[in-house]
Amino acid sequence: MSEPASEMWTNPDPHGRELPEVIWQSKILRDHPEMAGHREAVLRTVATPEHVEDDPLPRRRRYYRRSLGPNRWLLVVVTYEQDPARIITALGNRKDPKQWTP
């Protein structure tokens, strides 16, 4: 199944805030082509993360889920620097999150 050439959607974060304006093809797949086929996993990660931590940059959060996406963890970064907030990247990660405690 091929991904849409360019798609935008609305997805809530764990606090019910809407996160519109995700541009799948021109941002996430351009930077991380290994994410092709994992669009729904990105949405699930933000909506129901297994782990959440602050990003090193202010007003950003990192959302994680295990066993989704191309690696052990799926990491999705959301920026709250503007209103509405938006997903700015998504990628697979082999290492546990820094603040993760099983």
N, C-alpha and C. Protein backbone atom coordinates (compact mmCIF):
# COMPACT_ATOMS: atom_id res chain seq x y z
N MET A 1 0.84 -1.17 0.00
CA MET A 1 0.00 0.00 0.00
C MET A 1 0.89 1.23 0.00
N SER A 2 0.66 2.13 -0.92
CA SER A 2 1.49 3.33 -1.01
C SER A 2 0.92 4.43 -0.12
N GLU A 3 1.81 5.31 0.32
CA GLU A 3 1.41 6.44 1.15
C GLU A 3 0.87 7.55 0.26
N PRO A 4 -0.03 8.38 0.79
CA PRO A 4 -0.50 9.53 0.03
C PRO A 4 0.68 10.45 -0.29
N ALA A 5 0.64 11.10 -1.45
CA ALA A 5 1.72 11.98 -1.85
C ALA A 5 1.92 13.11 -0.84
N SER A 6 0.87 13.68 -0.35
CA SER A 6 0.94 14.73 0.66
C SER A 6 -0.38 14.71 1.41
N GLU A 7 -0.31 14.57 2.70
CA GLU A 7 -1.54 14.49 3.47
C GLU A 7 -1.39 15.24 4.76
N MET A 8 -2.48 15.84 5.19
CA MET A 8 -2.52 16.51 6.47
C MET A 8 -3.65 15.88 7.26
N TRP A 9 -3.48 15.75 8.56
CA TRP A 9 -4.53 15.18 9.38
C TRP A 9 -4.53 15.85 10.74
N THR A 10 -5.54 15.54 11.50
CA THR A 10 -5.65 16.06 12.86
C THR A 10 -5.62 14.88 13.81
N ASN A 11 -4.81 14.99 14.84
CA ASN A 11 -4.63 13.89 15.79
C ASN A 11 -4.45 14.47 17.18
N PRO A 12 -5.18 13.99 18.17
CA PRO A 12 -5.00 14.53 19.51
C PRO A 12 -3.75 13.99 20.19
N ASP A 13 -3.18 14.81 21.06
CA ASP A 13 -2.11 14.32 21.91
C ASP A 13 -2.74 13.72 23.17
N PRO A 14 -1.95 13.21 24.11
CA PRO A 14 -2.55 12.56 25.28
C PRO A 14 -3.42 13.47 26.14
N HIS A 15 -3.27 14.79 25.99
CA HIS A 15 -4.06 15.74 26.77
C HIS A 15 -5.27 16.27 25.99
N GLY A 16 -5.54 15.68 24.83
CA GLY A 16 -6.69 16.06 24.03
C GLY A 16 -6.48 17.28 23.14
N ARG A 17 -5.27 17.80 23.10
CA ARG A 17 -4.98 18.93 22.22
C ARG A 17 -4.85 18.43 20.79
N GLU A 18 -5.46 19.11 19.88
CA GLU A 18 -5.38 18.72 18.47
C GLU A 18 -4.02 19.08 17.90
N LEU A 19 -3.50 18.20 17.04
CA LEU A 19 -2.20 18.42 16.40
C LEU A 19 -2.37 18.36 14.89
N PRO A 20 -2.88 19.42 14.28
CA PRO A 20 -3.05 19.40 12.83
C PRO A 20 -1.75 19.71 12.10
N GLU A 21 -1.82 19.70 10.80
CA GLU A 21 -0.75 20.16 9.93
C GLU A 21 0.48 19.27 9.94
N VAL A 22 0.27 17.99 9.97
CA VAL A 22 1.38 17.06 9.80
C VAL A 22 1.52 16.84 8.29
N ILE A 23 2.66 17.14 7.75
CA ILE A 23 2.86 16.96 6.32
C ILE A 23 3.76 15.75 6.13
N TRP A 24 3.11 14.64 5.91
CA TRP A 24 3.78 13.34 5.89
C TRP A 24 4.88 13.25 4.86
N GLN A 25 4.56 13.48 3.61
CA GLN A 25 5.51 13.28 2.52
C GLN A 25 6.65 14.30 2.55
N SER A 26 6.32 15.57 2.71
CA SER A 26 7.33 16.61 2.55
C SER A 26 8.20 16.80 3.79
N LYS A 27 7.81 16.26 4.92
CA LYS A 27 8.63 16.43 6.12
C LYS A 27 9.15 15.10 6.66
N ILE A 28 8.25 14.28 7.17
CA ILE A 28 8.68 13.06 7.85
C ILE A 28 9.34 12.09 6.89
N LEU A 29 8.71 11.78 5.79
CA LEU A 29 9.31 10.79 4.86
C LEU A 29 10.54 11.33 4.16
N ARG A 30 10.61 12.63 3.97
CA ARG A 30 11.82 13.21 3.37
C ARG A 30 13.01 13.02 4.30
N ASP A 31 12.80 13.28 5.60
CA ASP A 31 13.88 13.17 6.56
C ASP A 31 14.14 11.74 7.02
N HIS A 32 13.08 10.91 7.04
CA HIS A 32 13.19 9.54 7.55
C HIS A 32 12.41 8.58 6.65
N PRO A 33 12.95 8.25 5.49
CA PRO A 33 12.23 7.39 4.54
C PRO A 33 11.90 6.02 5.11
N GLU A 34 12.60 5.58 6.16
CA GLU A 34 12.30 4.29 6.78
C GLU A 34 10.92 4.28 7.45
N MET A 35 10.31 5.46 7.58
CA MET A 35 8.99 5.56 8.21
C MET A 35 7.85 5.25 7.23
N ALA A 36 8.17 5.06 5.96
CA ALA A 36 7.13 4.70 4.99
C ALA A 36 6.38 3.47 5.49
N GLY A 37 5.08 3.53 5.45
CA GLY A 37 4.26 2.43 5.92
C GLY A 37 3.95 2.47 7.41
N HIS A 38 4.42 3.49 8.13
CA HIS A 38 4.23 3.57 9.58
C HIS A 38 3.42 4.79 10.01
N ARG A 39 2.65 5.34 9.11
CA ARG A 39 1.87 6.55 9.40
C ARG A 39 0.91 6.35 10.57
N GLU A 40 0.17 5.26 10.57
CA GLU A 40 -0.79 4.99 11.65
C GLU A 40 -0.06 4.79 12.98
N ALA A 41 1.12 4.22 12.95
CA ALA A 41 1.90 4.05 14.17
C ALA A 41 2.32 5.40 14.76
N VAL A 42 2.63 6.35 13.91
CA VAL A 42 2.96 7.70 14.36
C VAL A 42 1.77 8.31 15.09
N LEU A 43 0.60 8.19 14.50
CA LEU A 43 -0.61 8.74 15.12
C LEU A 43 -0.90 8.07 16.46
N ARG A 44 -0.77 6.75 16.51
CA ARG A 44 -0.99 6.01 17.77
C ARG A 44 0.00 6.42 18.85
N THR A 45 1.23 6.64 18.45
CA THR A 45 2.26 7.02 19.41
C THR A 45 1.93 8.33 20.09
N VAL A 46 1.46 9.31 19.32
CA VAL A 46 1.11 10.60 19.91
C VAL A 46 -0.16 10.49 20.75
N ALA A 47 -1.14 9.78 20.26
CA ALA A 47 -2.41 9.67 20.96
C ALA A 47 -2.30 8.87 22.26
N THR A 48 -1.52 7.79 22.24
CA THR A 48 -1.40 6.92 23.41
C THR A 48 0.05 6.48 23.60
N PRO A 49 0.90 7.40 24.04
CA PRO A 49 2.32 7.06 24.20
C PRO A 49 2.54 6.14 25.38
N GLU A 50 3.63 5.40 25.29
CA GLU A 50 4.06 4.55 26.40
C GLU A 50 5.01 5.30 27.33
N HIS A 51 5.68 6.31 26.77
CA HIS A 51 6.61 7.13 27.54
C HIS A 51 6.60 8.52 26.92
N VAL A 52 6.66 9.55 27.79
CA VAL A 52 6.71 10.95 27.34
C VAL A 52 7.80 11.65 28.12
N GLU A 53 8.59 12.46 27.42
CA GLU A 53 9.59 13.28 28.10
C GLU A 53 9.79 14.58 27.34
N ASP A 54 10.34 15.57 28.04
CA ASP A 54 10.64 16.84 27.40
C ASP A 54 11.76 16.65 26.39
N ASP A 55 11.68 17.40 25.33
CA ASP A 55 12.74 17.47 24.33
C ASP A 55 13.80 18.44 24.86
N PRO A 56 15.06 18.34 24.43
CA PRO A 56 16.06 19.32 24.86
C PRO A 56 15.70 20.76 24.47
N LEU A 57 14.95 20.93 23.39
CA LEU A 57 14.52 22.27 22.99
C LEU A 57 13.24 22.63 23.73
N PRO A 58 13.10 23.90 24.13
CA PRO A 58 11.91 24.29 24.89
C PRO A 58 10.62 24.15 24.08
N ARG A 59 9.53 23.85 24.80
CA ARG A 59 8.19 23.75 24.24
C ARG A 59 8.03 22.61 23.24
N ARG A 60 8.84 21.58 23.42
CA ARG A 60 8.72 20.36 22.61
C ARG A 60 8.62 19.16 23.54
N ARG A 61 7.89 18.14 23.09
CA ARG A 61 7.74 16.90 23.84
C ARG A 61 8.09 15.74 22.94
N ARG A 62 8.62 14.70 23.56
CA ARG A 62 8.95 13.46 22.86
C ARG A 62 7.98 12.37 23.32
N TYR A 63 7.31 11.76 22.36
CA TYR A 63 6.36 10.68 22.62
C TYR A 63 6.94 9.38 22.09
N TYR A 64 6.89 8.32 22.89
CA TYR A 64 7.49 7.03 22.53
C TYR A 64 6.47 5.90 22.66
N ARG A 65 6.61 4.92 21.79
CA ARG A 65 5.91 3.63 21.93
C ARG A 65 6.85 2.53 21.49
N ARG A 66 6.78 1.42 22.21
CA ARG A 66 7.60 0.25 21.86
C ARG A 66 6.89 -0.59 20.81
N SER A 67 7.70 -1.30 20.06
CA SER A 67 7.22 -2.29 19.09
C SER A 67 6.30 -1.72 18.02
N LEU A 68 6.46 -0.46 17.70
CA LEU A 68 5.78 0.16 16.57
C LEU A 68 6.84 0.79 15.69
N GLY A 69 6.62 0.80 14.41
CA GLY A 69 7.59 1.43 13.53
C GLY A 69 8.73 0.51 13.16
N PRO A 70 9.79 1.10 12.60
CA PRO A 70 10.87 0.30 12.03
C PRO A 70 11.91 -0.21 13.03
N ASN A 71 11.86 0.23 14.29
CA ASN A 71 12.83 -0.21 15.29
C ASN A 71 12.13 -0.55 16.60
N ARG A 72 12.93 -0.75 17.63
CA ARG A 72 12.40 -1.12 18.94
C ARG A 72 11.42 -0.07 19.50
N TRP A 73 11.74 1.20 19.36
CA TRP A 73 10.90 2.31 19.81
C TRP A 73 10.54 3.19 18.62
N LEU A 74 9.36 3.78 18.69
CA LEU A 74 8.98 4.82 17.74
C LEU A 74 8.99 6.13 18.52
N LEU A 75 9.72 7.11 18.04
CA LEU A 75 9.84 8.42 18.66
C LEU A 75 9.14 9.44 17.77
N VAL A 76 8.24 10.21 18.36
CA VAL A 76 7.54 11.29 17.65
C VAL A 76 7.74 12.56 18.46
N VAL A 77 8.24 13.60 17.81
CA VAL A 77 8.48 14.88 18.48
C VAL A 77 7.39 15.86 18.07
N VAL A 78 6.78 16.48 19.08
CA VAL A 78 5.72 17.46 18.86
C VAL A 78 6.21 18.80 19.39
N THR A 79 6.02 19.86 18.61
CA THR A 79 6.36 21.19 19.06
C THR A 79 5.09 21.93 19.45
N TYR A 80 5.16 22.60 20.59
CA TYR A 80 4.06 23.42 21.09
C TYR A 80 4.46 24.90 21.01
N GLU A 81 5.40 25.22 20.13
CA GLU A 81 5.89 26.58 19.98
C GLU A 81 4.87 27.49 19.31
N GLN A 82 3.94 26.93 18.60
CA GLN A 82 2.89 27.71 17.95
C GLN A 82 1.55 27.05 18.25
N ASP A 83 0.49 27.75 17.95
CA ASP A 83 -0.85 27.22 18.15
C ASP A 83 -1.53 27.18 16.79
N PRO A 84 -1.90 26.04 16.32
CA PRO A 84 -1.89 24.75 17.00
C PRO A 84 -0.49 24.11 16.98
N ALA A 85 -0.28 23.20 17.91
CA ALA A 85 0.96 22.44 17.96
C ALA A 85 1.05 21.55 16.72
N ARG A 86 2.25 20.99 16.47
CA ARG A 86 2.39 20.11 15.31
C ARG A 86 3.48 19.08 15.52
N ILE A 87 3.31 17.96 14.84
CA ILE A 87 4.34 16.93 14.82
C ILE A 87 5.44 17.41 13.90
N ILE A 88 6.69 17.37 14.38
CA ILE A 88 7.77 17.85 13.53
C ILE A 88 8.67 16.74 13.02
N THR A 89 8.69 15.60 13.69
CA THR A 89 9.46 14.48 13.17
C THR A 89 9.00 13.18 13.81
N ALA A 90 9.34 12.09 13.16
CA ALA A 90 9.06 10.75 13.67
C ALA A 90 10.15 9.83 13.14
N LEU A 91 10.66 8.97 14.01
CA LEU A 91 11.72 8.06 13.59
C LEU A 91 11.79 6.86 14.51
N GLY A 92 12.36 5.79 14.00
CA GLY A 92 12.60 4.61 14.81
C GLY A 92 13.86 4.79 15.63
N ASN A 93 13.87 4.18 16.82
CA ASN A 93 15.01 4.31 17.71
C ASN A 93 15.26 2.96 18.38
N ARG A 94 16.49 2.51 18.38
CA ARG A 94 16.83 1.22 18.98
C ARG A 94 17.04 1.31 20.49
N LYS A 95 17.49 2.48 20.96
CA LYS A 95 17.81 2.65 22.37
C LYS A 95 16.57 3.05 23.18
N ASP A 96 16.58 2.68 24.46
CA ASP A 96 15.53 3.13 25.36
C ASP A 96 15.61 4.64 25.52
N PRO A 97 14.48 5.31 25.74
CA PRO A 97 14.53 6.75 26.04
C PRO A 97 15.37 7.01 27.28
N LYS A 98 16.00 8.16 27.35
CA LYS A 98 16.91 8.49 28.44
C LYS A 98 16.26 8.37 29.81
N GLN A 99 15.01 8.80 29.93
CA GLN A 99 14.34 8.79 31.22
C GLN A 99 13.46 7.56 31.43
N TRP A 100 13.54 6.57 30.56
CA TRP A 100 12.69 5.38 30.63
C TRP A 100 13.07 4.51 31.82
N THR A 101 12.07 4.09 32.55
CA THR A 101 12.25 3.08 33.59
C THR A 101 11.18 2.03 33.40
N PRO A 102 11.59 0.80 33.14
CA PRO A 102 10.61 -0.27 32.89
C PRO A 102 9.72 -0.55 34.09
